[in-house]
Protein backbone atom coordinates (compact mmCIF):
# COMPACT_ATOMS: atom_id res chain seq x y z
CA UNK A 1 -115.75 -4.22 33.51
CA UNK A 2 -115.02 -8.07 34.29
CA UNK A 3 -113.45 -8.26 30.92
CA UNK A 4 -110.99 -5.23 31.36
CA UNK A 5 -109.85 -6.73 34.70
CA UNK A 6 -108.99 -10.16 33.33
CA UNK A 7 -107.06 -8.81 30.59
CA UNK A 8 -105.08 -6.53 33.00
CA UNK A 9 -104.40 -9.62 35.30
CA UNK A 10 -103.06 -11.70 32.23
CA UNK A 11 -100.69 -8.74 31.21
CA UNK A 12 -99.26 -8.49 34.63
CA UNK A 13 -98.39 -12.16 35.05
CA UNK A 14 -96.93 -12.49 31.57
CA UNK A 15 -94.21 -9.62 32.62
CA UNK A 16 -93.42 -11.37 35.87
CA UNK A 17 -92.82 -14.51 34.09
CA UNK A 18 -90.32 -12.80 31.45
CA UNK A 19 -88.25 -11.01 34.25
CA UNK A 20 -85.52 -8.64 33.71
CA UNK A 21 -83.30 -8.94 30.55
CA UNK A 22 -80.61 -11.31 31.18
CA UNK A 23 -76.79 -10.40 30.27
CA UNK A 24 -75.14 -12.35 27.19
CA UNK A 25 -73.05 -15.17 28.37
CA UNK A 26 -70.43 -13.96 25.70
CA UNK A 27 -70.11 -10.52 27.43
CA UNK A 28 -69.96 -7.16 25.72
CA UNK A 29 -67.78 -8.72 22.86
CA UNK A 30 -70.59 -10.89 21.70
CA UNK A 31 -70.07 -14.64 20.39
CA UNK A 32 -66.63 -15.57 19.32
CA UNK A 33 -65.67 -15.67 15.74
CA UNK A 34 -64.93 -18.74 13.68
CA UNK A 35 -61.51 -20.28 14.76
CA UNK A 36 -59.10 -19.08 17.45
CA UNK A 37 -57.83 -15.50 17.68
CA UNK A 38 -53.99 -15.61 17.40
CA UNK A 39 -51.45 -12.79 17.96
CA UNK A 40 -49.40 -12.48 14.96
CA UNK A 41 -45.63 -11.99 16.26
CA UNK A 42 -42.96 -11.45 13.56
CA UNK A 43 -40.47 -14.45 13.29
CA UNK A 44 -36.93 -13.62 12.23
CA UNK A 45 -35.95 -16.19 9.38
CA UNK A 46 -33.01 -18.50 10.13
CA UNK A 47 -29.44 -17.87 8.75
CA UNK A 48 -28.09 -20.12 6.00
CA UNK A 49 -26.05 -23.11 7.12
CA UNK A 50 -22.59 -21.85 7.97
CA UNK A 51 -23.85 -18.60 9.16
CA UNK A 52 -24.58 -16.85 12.47
CA UNK A 53 -26.92 -13.62 12.95
CA UNK A 54 -24.53 -11.05 14.01
CA UNK A 55 -25.97 -7.43 14.58
CA UNK A 56 -29.00 -8.09 12.89
CA UNK A 57 -27.48 -9.70 9.64
CA UNK A 58 -26.26 -13.20 8.66
CA UNK A 59 -22.47 -13.43 8.57
CA UNK A 60 -20.15 -15.98 7.29
CA UNK A 61 -17.93 -16.43 10.19
CA UNK A 62 -15.45 -18.77 8.23
CA UNK A 63 -14.82 -15.53 5.98
CA UNK A 64 -16.23 -12.34 7.42
CA UNK A 65 -13.50 -9.91 8.57
CA UNK A 66 -15.73 -8.20 11.14
CA UNK A 67 -17.11 -11.72 12.43
CA UNK A 68 -14.21 -13.93 12.21
CA UNK A 69 -15.06 -17.22 14.00
CA UNK A 70 -17.65 -15.67 16.17
CA UNK A 71 -19.71 -12.51 16.11
CA UNK A 72 -17.79 -9.30 16.93
CA UNK A 73 -14.28 -10.86 16.39
CA UNK A 74 -12.75 -8.31 13.77
CA UNK A 75 -9.43 -8.97 11.98
CA UNK A 76 -7.43 -5.83 11.96
CA UNK A 77 -4.60 -4.29 9.93
CA UNK A 78 -3.75 -6.44 7.04
CA UNK A 79 -5.26 -9.75 8.46
CA UNK A 80 -8.03 -11.45 6.75
CA UNK A 81 -10.45 -14.06 7.92
CA UNK A 82 -9.89 -17.44 6.50
CA UNK A 83 -11.68 -20.58 7.78
CA UNK A 84 -12.60 -18.82 10.89
CA UNK A 85 -9.27 -17.58 11.75
CA UNK A 86 -7.35 -14.23 11.10
CA UNK A 87 -4.42 -14.74 9.29
CA UNK A 88 -1.98 -13.08 7.04
CA UNK A 89 -1.65 -13.71 3.13
CA UNK A 90 0.56 -16.57 2.10
CA UNK A 91 4.45 -16.18 2.47
CA UNK A 92 3.69 -13.14 4.95
CA UNK A 93 4.21 -12.96 8.73
CA UNK A 94 2.37 -10.64 11.05
CA UNK A 95 4.68 -8.14 12.72
CA UNK A 96 2.79 -5.71 14.97
CA UNK A 97 -0.68 -5.29 12.99
CA UNK A 98 1.09 -5.45 9.90
CA UNK A 99 1.58 -8.45 7.45
CA UNK A 100 5.06 -8.27 5.83
CA UNK A 101 7.30 -10.23 3.72
CA UNK A 102 10.43 -11.05 5.88
CA UNK A 103 12.60 -11.88 3.01
CA UNK A 104 12.40 -8.37 1.65
CA UNK A 105 10.99 -5.72 4.06
CA UNK A 106 13.56 -3.22 4.98
CA UNK A 107 11.92 -2.66 8.27
CA UNK A 108 11.49 -6.18 9.39
CA UNK A 109 14.42 -8.23 7.74
CA UNK A 110 14.52 -11.87 8.62
CA UNK A 111 12.63 -11.03 11.80
CA UNK A 112 10.08 -8.68 12.94
CA UNK A 113 11.64 -5.52 13.95
CA UNK A 114 15.00 -5.97 12.37
CA UNK A 115 15.24 -3.00 10.23
CA UNK A 116 18.05 -2.38 7.44
CA UNK A 117 20.00 0.91 7.78
CA UNK A 118 22.65 2.91 6.16
CA UNK A 119 21.85 2.17 2.71
CA UNK A 120 21.53 -1.50 2.90
CA UNK A 121 18.64 -3.42 1.47
CA UNK A 122 16.89 -6.49 2.48
CA UNK A 123 17.66 -9.56 0.19
CA UNK A 124 16.74 -13.12 1.08
CA UNK A 125 16.10 -12.31 4.87
CA UNK A 126 19.44 -10.40 5.41
CA UNK A 127 20.35 -6.76 5.02
CA UNK A 128 23.18 -6.40 2.47
CA UNK A 129 25.03 -3.92 0.74
CA UNK A 130 24.86 -4.30 -3.26
CA UNK A 131 27.43 -4.20 -6.06
CA UNK A 132 30.77 -2.90 -5.23
CA UNK A 133 29.48 -1.40 -1.98
CA UNK A 134 30.74 -2.62 1.53
CA UNK A 135 29.48 -2.02 5.26
CA UNK A 136 31.98 0.49 6.61
CA UNK A 137 30.92 1.51 10.06
CA UNK A 138 27.46 2.43 9.76
CA UNK A 139 26.56 2.62 6.31
CA UNK A 140 27.18 1.21 2.82
CA UNK A 141 30.05 2.81 0.89
CA UNK A 142 31.32 2.06 -2.66
CA UNK A 143 34.93 1.23 -2.11
CA UNK A 144 35.67 1.63 -5.83
CA UNK A 145 35.26 5.16 -5.85
CA UNK A 146 34.92 6.46 -2.37
CA UNK A 147 38.18 8.43 -1.46
CA UNK A 148 37.76 7.56 2.32
CA UNK A 149 37.31 4.09 1.82
CA UNK A 150 39.28 3.36 -1.44
CA UNK A 151 39.58 -0.36 -2.19
CA UNK A 152 38.48 -1.29 1.73
CA UNK A 153 36.90 0.36 4.60
CA UNK A 154 38.99 2.90 6.13
CA UNK A 155 41.61 3.40 3.57
CA UNK A 156 41.60 7.08 2.77
CA UNK A 157 43.27 8.77 -0.31
CA UNK A 158 45.44 11.86 0.12
CA UNK A 159 43.70 15.25 -0.45
CA UNK A 160 45.41 15.54 -4.06
CA UNK A 161 44.39 11.95 -5.18
CA UNK A 162 41.24 10.50 -6.59
CA UNK A 163 39.70 6.99 -5.92
CA UNK A 164 39.66 5.10 -9.15
CA UNK A 165 38.82 1.33 -9.32
CA UNK A 166 39.56 0.80 -5.74
CA UNK A 167 43.12 2.55 -5.72
CA UNK A 168 44.14 5.93 -4.90
CA UNK A 169 45.46 7.81 -8.22
CA UNK A 170 46.52 11.10 -9.60
CA UNK A 171 44.43 11.21 -12.40
CA UNK A 172 41.78 9.20 -13.78
CA UNK A 173 42.27 6.68 -16.41
CA UNK A 174 40.23 6.98 -19.66
CA UNK A 175 37.50 6.24 -20.05
CA UNK A 176 36.80 7.17 -16.32
CA UNK A 177 36.41 10.84 -15.62
CA UNK A 178 36.73 12.69 -12.14
CA UNK A 179 33.35 13.45 -10.36
CA UNK A 180 34.50 15.09 -7.01
CA UNK A 181 37.18 12.97 -5.78
CA UNK A 182 36.00 9.81 -7.48
CA UNK A 183 37.14 8.46 -10.89
CA UNK A 184 33.73 6.85 -12.46
CA UNK A 185 32.87 5.55 -15.63
CA UNK A 186 29.50 7.73 -16.71
CA UNK A 187 28.35 4.83 -18.97
CA UNK A 188 27.90 2.52 -15.98
CA UNK A 189 28.19 4.16 -12.82
CA UNK A 190 24.62 4.22 -11.01
CA UNK A 191 25.65 7.37 -9.03
CA UNK A 192 27.02 9.28 -12.08
CA UNK A 193 25.04 7.88 -14.95
CA UNK A 194 25.71 9.89 -18.05
CA UNK A 195 26.79 12.86 -16.02
CA UNK A 196 28.33 13.58 -12.51
CA UNK A 197 25.68 13.55 -9.95
CA UNK A 198 23.01 11.96 -11.96
CA UNK A 199 22.07 9.01 -9.73
CA UNK A 200 19.65 6.15 -10.98
CA UNK A 201 18.27 5.77 -7.48
CA UNK A 202 17.33 2.40 -5.49
CA UNK A 203 17.33 -0.89 -7.66
CA UNK A 204 18.55 1.30 -10.70
CA UNK A 205 21.40 0.27 -13.00
CA UNK A 206 23.39 2.26 -15.50
CA UNK A 207 23.91 0.89 -18.99
CA UNK A 208 25.35 3.08 -21.69
CA UNK A 209 24.94 6.17 -19.72
CA UNK A 210 21.26 5.56 -19.09
CA UNK A 211 19.38 4.37 -16.08
CA UNK A 212 17.38 1.19 -16.28
CA UNK A 213 15.85 -0.83 -13.60
CA UNK A 214 17.18 -4.04 -12.33
CA UNK A 215 15.31 -7.31 -13.03
CA UNK A 216 12.05 -7.34 -11.14
CA UNK A 217 12.02 -3.63 -10.29
CA UNK A 218 10.35 -0.89 -12.03
CA UNK A 219 10.02 2.85 -12.12
CA UNK A 220 6.25 2.98 -12.13
CA UNK A 221 5.97 6.63 -10.83
CA UNK A 222 8.50 8.04 -13.31
CA UNK A 223 10.62 9.64 -10.68
CA UNK A 224 14.30 8.92 -10.79
CA UNK A 225 14.69 10.38 -7.25
CA UNK A 226 13.28 7.04 -5.66
CA UNK A 227 14.54 4.95 -8.37
CA UNK A 228 13.14 1.74 -9.35
CA UNK A 229 10.69 1.87 -6.44
CA UNK A 230 8.07 -1.06 -7.23
CA UNK A 231 9.25 -4.69 -6.94
CA UNK A 232 6.99 -6.42 -9.11
CA UNK A 233 6.78 -9.83 -7.70
CA UNK A 234 5.50 -8.44 -4.24
CA UNK A 235 4.14 -4.98 -4.69
CA UNK A 236 0.35 -5.20 -4.41
CA UNK A 237 -0.18 -1.82 -6.35
CA UNK A 238 1.93 -3.11 -9.11
CA UNK A 239 1.80 -7.03 -9.14
CA UNK A 240 3.80 -8.16 -12.08
CA UNK A 241 3.35 -4.99 -13.97
CA UNK A 242 2.99 -1.12 -13.24
CA UNK A 243 -0.60 -0.48 -12.27
CA UNK A 244 -1.81 -4.13 -11.78
CA UNK A 245 -3.11 -3.31 -8.60
CA UNK A 246 -4.44 -6.45 -6.49
CA UNK A 247 -8.11 -6.49 -5.17
CA UNK A 248 -8.79 -5.55 -1.34
CA UNK A 249 -7.87 -8.56 0.88
CA UNK A 250 -5.19 -10.13 -1.27
CA UNK A 251 -1.51 -9.49 -1.36
CA UNK A 252 1.16 -9.79 -4.24
CA UNK A 253 3.68 -12.90 -4.14
CA UNK A 254 5.70 -14.08 -7.17
CA UNK A 255 4.07 -11.37 -9.19
CA UNK A 256 0.60 -12.93 -8.80
CA UNK A 257 -2.26 -11.78 -6.63
CA UNK A 258 -2.92 -14.34 -3.95
CA UNK A 259 -5.39 -14.94 -0.95
CA UNK A 260 -4.57 -15.70 2.64
CA UNK A 261 -3.97 -19.19 3.28
CA UNK A 262 -7.10 -21.40 2.77
CA UNK A 263 -8.81 -18.94 0.38
CA UNK A 264 -8.76 -18.84 -3.40
CA UNK A 265 -8.99 -15.72 -5.77
CA UNK A 266 -12.40 -15.94 -7.75
CA UNK A 267 -13.65 -13.14 -9.93
CA UNK A 268 -11.65 -10.68 -8.00
CA UNK A 269 -12.42 -11.74 -4.47
CA UNK A 270 -11.14 -14.32 -1.97
CA UNK A 271 -13.39 -17.18 -1.35
CA UNK A 272 -13.52 -20.38 0.52
CA UNK A 273 -14.27 -23.01 -2.21
CA UNK A 274 -15.37 -25.59 0.70
CA UNK A 275 -18.35 -23.42 1.41
CA UNK A 276 -19.00 -20.64 -1.19
CA UNK A 277 -22.12 -21.34 -3.33
CA UNK A 278 -20.85 -19.46 -6.07
CA UNK A 279 -17.58 -20.95 -6.35
CA UNK A 280 -18.03 -24.67 -4.76
CA UNK A 281 -14.74 -26.69 -4.91
CA UNK A 282 -13.42 -24.36 -7.69
CA UNK A 283 -13.77 -20.96 -9.24
CA UNK A 284 -17.08 -20.69 -11.24
CA UNK A 285 -18.81 -23.91 -10.04
CA UNK A 286 -22.12 -22.44 -8.53
CA UNK A 287 -24.56 -24.80 -6.54
CA UNK A 288 -28.02 -24.33 -7.88
CA UNK A 289 -31.61 -25.89 -7.68
CA UNK A 290 -31.61 -25.12 -3.69
CA UNK A 291 -28.40 -26.96 -3.17
CA UNK A 292 -25.42 -25.49 -0.78
CA UNK A 293 -21.78 -25.97 -0.69
CA UNK A 294 -20.53 -28.33 1.84
CA UNK A 295 -16.79 -29.40 1.90
CA UNK A 296 -16.55 -28.17 -1.69
CA UNK A 297 -19.38 -30.36 -2.91
CA UNK A 298 -23.06 -28.98 -3.82
CA UNK A 299 -25.42 -30.82 -1.68
CA UNK A 300 -29.19 -30.68 -0.89
CA UNK A 301 -30.23 -29.03 2.38
CA UNK A 302 -31.73 -31.49 4.98
CA UNK A 303 -35.50 -30.94 5.54
């Protein structure tokens, strides 16, 4: 009996010493894992030197037509971005939103908005009539054959007369023939080439009764109705020859495809050789081994 009582007292004292279970100092999550806990936040990589991040992409603001000089500055119409500014191709001028050649544009002859009318064409920046044509009133007329302006503006032939070689005559002198009230040479008259009424059209010449194009022009669409429509020294669709189309972003000048001022045509596109890594300093000179193009030279990026 005494032994059982002693055992009971010892057990009770042991429980009192242990007390209730204690909470962990680490809480429910338990002890920390090795090393600090870090939240992984995605980092946007920096754009290469000379570029800015525009609309989520890296843009070369010195040559990007959508971000020219700064994000969101777009070059409209025929303008192209060159060294951070929107500009027209060399030898052209901005008229409205179009780049034009003031020396040859019939809509902008010599200055923006000056249009040639009445059959006149723009040459060297001035509207002029060609060949034996003269400006009479509101149009160009051929005073060599026109019965209303025979030899000079306003000098009309009698109803029974014909106009030949700038003079009113009763009959045409051979080898000229009468086409209406005009005496013409079918072998060289561009309005009656080979036959009455067969016109060679704009920039067309008649030689031996057959139409041909004047120097620098071509009939690229094979349609005599519009004459020699292509001017090969400035036609971007026929630059130097029929079908020789200039790449996008370039213009035709002196029968060659050219870029806007400050850019160079390399491998079919306009580039800035001062900063283009594939054409650094000149076409085809590529920067390698981590080098970038600065001022036309391949240099290592600073650390």
